[in-house]
Amino acid sequence: MSSDLEQLYQQIILDHARARHGSGLAEAPAGDRVGESHMLNPTCGDEITLRASVHDAGDLMTISGISWEGQGCSISMASASVLHDMGTGLRRQDLLELVDHFREVMRSRGALEADEEILGDAAAFSGVARYPARVKCAMLAWVALEEALLAAG
């Protein structure tokens, strides 16, 4: 990966760590299904509570909102912020596929190049995959989202 791209990715992570899109647990729109999950990374102390709201229109389930509150390192907070931006408005199934793709990149230990067409700003975390201790930080919100969606039904 070029150093220019690495610098861009670092800037995306820092921007999201500061701005924290979706921070603060929001109420779900009336009639939507809601799931919530609390996750803790005991290795470093990162902690997040994530709430997902799902609009169920028969056979089409769409993510109407992802909100969260947490504390932790820049990587975990930025990852939650990016997830909020990417996931809101997606079909539930498409979001679960995105989570699977992100997990695959994170578990590759840097062997799998992130596809920006699929992962968007989440591709910025591809460098984290080379540091196994930091993968849990990047994955924390994504695992919480899976659990929240399961709870939402």
C-alpha atoms as a PDB file:
ATOM      1  CA  MET A   1       0.000   0.000   0.000  1.00  0.00           C
ATOM      2  CA  SER A   2       1.410   3.418  -0.900  1.00  0.00           C
ATOM      3  CA  SER A   3       2.303   5.811   1.884  1.00  0.00           C
ATOM      4  CA  ASP A   4      -0.122   8.385   0.413  1.00  0.00           C
ATOM      5  CA  LEU A   5      -2.968   5.891   0.747  1.00  0.00           C
ATOM      6  CA  GLU A   6      -1.865   4.953   4.263  1.00  0.00           C
ATOM      7  CA  GLN A   7      -1.869   8.648   5.223  1.00  0.00           C
ATOM      8  CA  LEU A   8      -5.349   9.068   3.759  1.00  0.00           C
ATOM      9  CA  TYR A   9      -6.570   6.031   5.693  1.00  0.00           C
ATOM     10  CA  GLN A  10      -5.016   7.354   8.908  1.00  0.00           C
ATOM     11  CA  GLN A  11      -6.736  10.700   8.344  1.00  0.00           C
ATOM     12  CA  ILE A  12     -10.122   8.993   7.829  1.00  0.00           C
ATOM     13  CA  ILE A  13      -9.684   7.118  11.116  1.00  0.00           C
ATOM     14  CA  LEU A  14      -8.642  10.261  13.001  1.00  0.00           C
ATOM     15  CA  ASP A  15     -11.517  12.289  11.526  1.00  0.00           C
ATOM     16  CA  HIS A  16     -14.074   9.660  12.540  1.00  0.00           C
ATOM     17  CA  ALA A  17     -12.511   9.250  15.986  1.00  0.00           C
ATOM     18  CA  ARG A  18     -12.979  12.979  16.558  1.00  0.00           C
ATOM     19  CA  ALA A  19     -16.392  13.427  14.885  1.00  0.00           C
ATOM     20  CA  ARG A  20     -17.963  10.124  16.064  1.00  0.00           C
ATOM     21  CA  HIS A  21     -20.954   9.933  13.717  1.00  0.00           C
ATOM     22  CA  GLY A  22     -23.927   8.197  15.327  1.00  0.00           C
ATOM     23  CA  SER A  23     -22.608   8.733  18.846  1.00  0.00           C
ATOM     24  CA  GLY A  24     -25.359   8.908  21.447  1.00  0.00           C
ATOM     25  CA  LEU A  25     -28.067   6.266  21.659  1.00  0.00           C
ATOM     26  CA  ALA A  26     -31.007   7.450  19.548  1.00  0.00           C
ATOM     27  CA  GLU A  27     -34.637   6.429  19.831  1.00  0.00           C
ATOM     28  CA  ALA A  28     -35.859   4.258  16.982  1.00  0.00           C
ATOM     29  CA  PRO A  29     -38.592   5.485  14.660  1.00  0.00           C
ATOM     30  CA  ALA A  30     -42.069   4.394  15.773  1.00  0.00           C
ATOM     31  CA  GLY A  31     -42.899   0.866  14.668  1.00  0.00           C
ATOM     32  CA  ASP A  32     -39.317  -0.181  13.929  1.00  0.00           C
ATOM     33  CA  ARG A  33     -37.710  -3.213  15.492  1.00  0.00           C
ATOM     34  CA  VAL A  34     -34.873  -2.376  17.861  1.00  0.00           C
ATOM     35  CA  GLY A  35     -31.913  -4.397  19.024  1.00  0.00           C
ATOM     36  CA  GLU A  36     -29.161  -3.368  21.361  1.00  0.00           C
ATOM     37  CA  SER A  37     -25.820  -4.898  22.266  1.00  0.00           C
ATOM     38  CA  HIS A  38     -23.135  -4.055  24.788  1.00  0.00           C
ATOM     39  CA  MET A  39     -19.598  -5.211  23.995  1.00  0.00           C
ATOM     40  CA  LEU A  40     -16.371  -4.940  25.937  1.00  0.00           C
ATOM     41  CA  ASN A  41     -12.854  -5.662  24.740  1.00  0.00           C
ATOM     42  CA  PRO A  42     -11.191  -6.866  27.968  1.00  0.00           C
ATOM     43  CA  THR A  43      -7.746  -6.710  26.351  1.00  0.00           C
ATOM     44  CA  CYS A  44      -7.700  -2.930  26.086  1.00  0.00           C
ATOM     45  CA  GLY A  45     -10.883  -1.744  27.815  1.00  0.00           C
ATOM     46  CA  ASP A  46     -12.756  -0.516  24.726  1.00  0.00           C
ATOM     47  CA  GLU A  47     -16.480  -0.576  25.381  1.00  0.00           C
ATOM     48  CA  ILE A  48     -19.536   0.101  23.226  1.00  0.00           C
ATOM     49  CA  THR A  49     -23.295  -0.079  23.443  1.00  0.00           C
ATOM     50  CA  LEU A  50     -24.828  -0.147  19.980  1.00  0.00           C
ATOM     51  CA  ARG A  51     -28.489   0.211  19.065  1.00  0.00           C
ATOM     52  CA  ALA A  52     -29.820  -0.774  15.658  1.00  0.00           C
ATOM     53  CA  SER A  53     -33.301  -0.028  14.419  1.00  0.00           C
ATOM     54  CA  VAL A  54     -34.781  -1.990  11.553  1.00  0.00           C
ATOM     55  CA  HIS A  55     -37.735  -0.956   9.427  1.00  0.00           C
ATOM     56  CA  ASP A  56     -39.658  -4.089   8.470  1.00  0.00           C
ATOM     57  CA  ALA A  57     -41.662  -3.680   5.285  1.00  0.00           C
ATOM     58  CA  GLY A  58     -42.654  -7.306   4.767  1.00  0.00           C
ATOM     59  CA  ASP A  59     -39.855  -9.028   2.885  1.00  0.00           C
ATOM     60  CA  LEU A  60     -37.672  -5.898   2.849  1.00  0.00           C
ATOM     61  CA  MET A  61     -35.892  -5.066   6.094  1.00  0.00           C
ATOM     62  CA  THR A  62     -33.897  -1.836   6.061  1.00  0.00           C
ATOM     63  CA  ILE A  63     -31.608  -0.365   8.692  1.00  0.00           C
ATOM     64  CA  SER A  64     -33.300   2.861   9.760  1.00  0.00           C
ATOM     65  CA  GLY A  65     -30.677   3.777  12.313  1.00  0.00           C
ATOM     66  CA  ILE A  66     -27.443   2.814  14.015  1.00  0.00           C
ATOM     67  CA  SER A  67     -26.465   4.705  17.132  1.00  0.00           C
ATOM     68  CA  TRP A  68     -23.927   3.995  19.793  1.00  0.00           C
ATOM     69  CA  GLU A  69     -22.098   5.214  22.825  1.00  0.00           C
ATOM     70  CA  GLY A  70     -18.730   4.076  23.965  1.00  0.00           C
ATOM     71  CA  GLN A  71     -15.242   4.748  25.062  1.00  0.00           C
ATOM     72  CA  GLY A  72     -11.957   3.455  23.828  1.00  0.00           C
ATOM     73  CA  CYS A  73      -9.133   3.939  21.416  1.00  0.00           C
ATOM     74  CA  SER A  74      -9.334   5.910  18.186  1.00  0.00           C
ATOM     75  CA  ILE A  75      -9.632   2.719  16.150  1.00  0.00           C
ATOM     76  CA  SER A  76     -12.698   1.375  17.969  1.00  0.00           C
ATOM     77  CA  MET A  77     -14.480   4.731  18.092  1.00  0.00           C
ATOM     78  CA  ALA A  78     -13.705   5.518  14.447  1.00  0.00           C
ATOM     79  CA  SER A  79     -14.856   2.059  13.392  1.00  0.00           C
ATOM     80  CA  ALA A  80     -18.237   2.599  15.093  1.00  0.00           C
ATOM     81  CA  SER A  81     -18.554   5.986  13.387  1.00  0.00           C
ATOM     82  CA  VAL A  82     -17.783   4.543   9.943  1.00  0.00           C
ATOM     83  CA  LEU A  83     -20.225   1.685  10.566  1.00  0.00           C
ATOM     84  CA  HIS A  84     -22.977   4.187  11.396  1.00  0.00           C
ATOM     85  CA  ASP A  85     -22.397   6.044   8.126  1.00  0.00           C
ATOM     86  CA  MET A  86     -22.219   2.919   6.004  1.00  0.00           C
ATOM     87  CA  GLY A  87     -24.987   0.866   7.588  1.00  0.00           C
ATOM     88  CA  THR A  88     -27.815   3.336   7.932  1.00  0.00           C
ATOM     89  CA  GLY A  89     -30.209   2.901   5.013  1.00  0.00           C
ATOM     90  CA  LEU A  90     -28.879  -0.462   3.856  1.00  0.00           C
ATOM     91  CA  ARG A  91     -30.972  -3.575   3.567  1.00  0.00           C
ATOM     92  CA  ARG A  92     -30.392  -5.803   6.590  1.00  0.00           C
ATOM     93  CA  GLN A  93     -28.976  -8.630   4.474  1.00  0.00           C
ATOM     94  CA  ASP A  94     -26.603  -6.291   2.604  1.00  0.00           C
ATOM     95  CA  LEU A  95     -25.309  -4.945   5.902  1.00  0.00           C
ATOM     96  CA  LEU A  96     -24.692  -8.439   7.266  1.00  0.00           C
ATOM     97  CA  GLU A  97     -22.731  -9.247   4.093  1.00  0.00           C
ATOM     98  CA  LEU A  98     -20.711  -6.053   4.604  1.00  0.00           C
ATOM     99  CA  VAL A  99     -19.924  -7.142   8.173  1.00  0.00           C
ATOM    100  CA  ASP A 100     -18.753 -10.530   6.868  1.00  0.00           C
ATOM    101  CA  HIS A 101     -16.512  -8.860   4.289  1.00  0.00           C
ATOM    102  CA  PHE A 102     -15.034  -6.510   6.893  1.00  0.00           C
ATOM    103  CA  ARG A 103     -14.374  -9.469   9.211  1.00  0.00           C
ATOM    104  CA  GLU A 104     -12.644 -11.357   6.388  1.00  0.00           C
ATOM    105  CA  VAL A 105     -10.295  -8.409   5.752  1.00  0.00           C
ATOM    106  CA  MET A 106      -9.621  -7.959   9.473  1.00  0.00           C
ATOM    107  CA  ARG A 107      -8.784 -11.641   9.970  1.00  0.00           C
ATOM    108  CA  SER A 108      -6.448 -11.784   6.963  1.00  0.00           C
ATOM    109  CA  ARG A 109      -3.514 -10.301   8.912  1.00  0.00           C
ATOM    110  CA  GLY A 110      -2.960  -7.921   6.010  1.00  0.00           C
ATOM    111  CA  ALA A 111      -2.979 -10.596   3.295  1.00  0.00           C
ATOM    112  CA  LEU A 112      -6.336  -9.469   1.865  1.00  0.00           C
ATOM    113  CA  GLU A 113      -6.487  -6.019   0.306  1.00  0.00           C
ATOM    114  CA  ALA A 114      -9.660  -4.144   1.256  1.00  0.00           C
ATOM    115  CA  ASP A 115     -11.910  -3.322  -1.690  1.00  0.00           C
ATOM    116  CA  GLU A 116     -12.942   0.330  -1.369  1.00  0.00           C
ATOM    117  CA  GLU A 117     -15.848  -0.296  -3.751  1.00  0.00           C
ATOM    118  CA  ILE A 118     -17.336  -2.644  -1.162  1.00  0.00           C
ATOM    119  CA  LEU A 119     -16.046  -1.265   2.139  1.00  0.00           C
ATOM    120  CA  GLY A 120     -15.916   2.472   1.437  1.00  0.00           C
ATOM    121  CA  ASP A 121     -14.321   4.280   4.398  1.00  0.00           C
ATOM    122  CA  ALA A 122     -14.099   0.983   6.304  1.00  0.00           C
ATOM    123  CA  ALA A 123     -11.236   0.091   3.940  1.00  0.00           C
ATOM    124  CA  ALA A 124      -9.201   2.558   6.020  1.00  0.00           C
ATOM    125  CA  PHE A 125      -8.957  -0.129   8.699  1.00  0.00           C
ATOM    126  CA  SER A 126      -7.218  -2.626   6.403  1.00  0.00           C
ATOM    127  CA  GLY A 127      -3.826  -1.699   7.875  1.00  0.00           C
ATOM    128  CA  VAL A 128      -5.138  -2.660  11.322  1.00  0.00           C
ATOM    129  CA  ALA A 129      -5.381  -6.268  10.118  1.00  0.00           C
ATOM    130  CA  ARG A 130      -1.594  -6.530  10.352  1.00  0.00           C
ATOM    131  CA  TYR A 131      -1.825  -6.010  14.130  1.00  0.00           C
ATOM    132  CA  PRO A 132      -3.862  -8.842  15.684  1.00  0.00           C
ATOM    133  CA  ALA A 133      -4.191  -7.042  19.018  1.00  0.00           C
ATOM    134  CA  ARG A 134      -5.891  -4.115  17.246  1.00  0.00           C
ATOM    135  CA  VAL A 135      -8.292  -6.208  15.146  1.00  0.00           C
ATOM    136  CA  LYS A 136     -10.606  -6.600  18.142  1.00  0.00           C
ATOM    137  CA  CYS A 137     -10.701  -2.811  18.457  1.00  0.00           C
ATOM    138  CA  ALA A 138     -11.801  -2.401  14.843  1.00  0.00           C
ATOM    139  CA  MET A 139     -14.307  -5.277  15.060  1.00  0.00           C
ATOM    140  CA  LEU A 140     -15.988  -4.289  18.338  1.00  0.00           C
ATOM    141  CA  ALA A 141     -18.823  -2.198  16.856  1.00  0.00           C
ATOM    142  CA  TRP A 142     -19.316  -4.619  13.956  1.00  0.00           C
ATOM    143  CA  VAL A 143     -19.780  -7.590  16.312  1.00  0.00           C
ATOM    144  CA  ALA A 144     -22.118  -5.484  18.456  1.00  0.00           C
ATOM    145  CA  LEU A 145     -24.128  -4.672  15.336  1.00  0.00           C
ATOM    146  CA  GLU A 146     -24.529  -8.357  14.457  1.00  0.00           C
ATOM    147  CA  GLU A 147     -25.806  -9.073  17.960  1.00  0.00           C
ATOM    148  CA  ALA A 148     -28.149  -6.044  17.898  1.00  0.00           C
ATOM    149  CA  LEU A 149     -29.606  -7.108  14.552  1.00  0.00           C
ATOM    150  CA  LEU A 150     -30.157 -10.606  15.897  1.00  0.00           C
ATOM    151  CA  ALA A 151     -31.942  -9.116  18.911  1.00  0.00           C
ATOM    152  CA  ALA A 152     -34.087  -6.929  16.625  1.00  0.00           C
ATOM    153  CA  GLY A 153     -35.278 -10.032  14.804  1.00  0.00           C
END
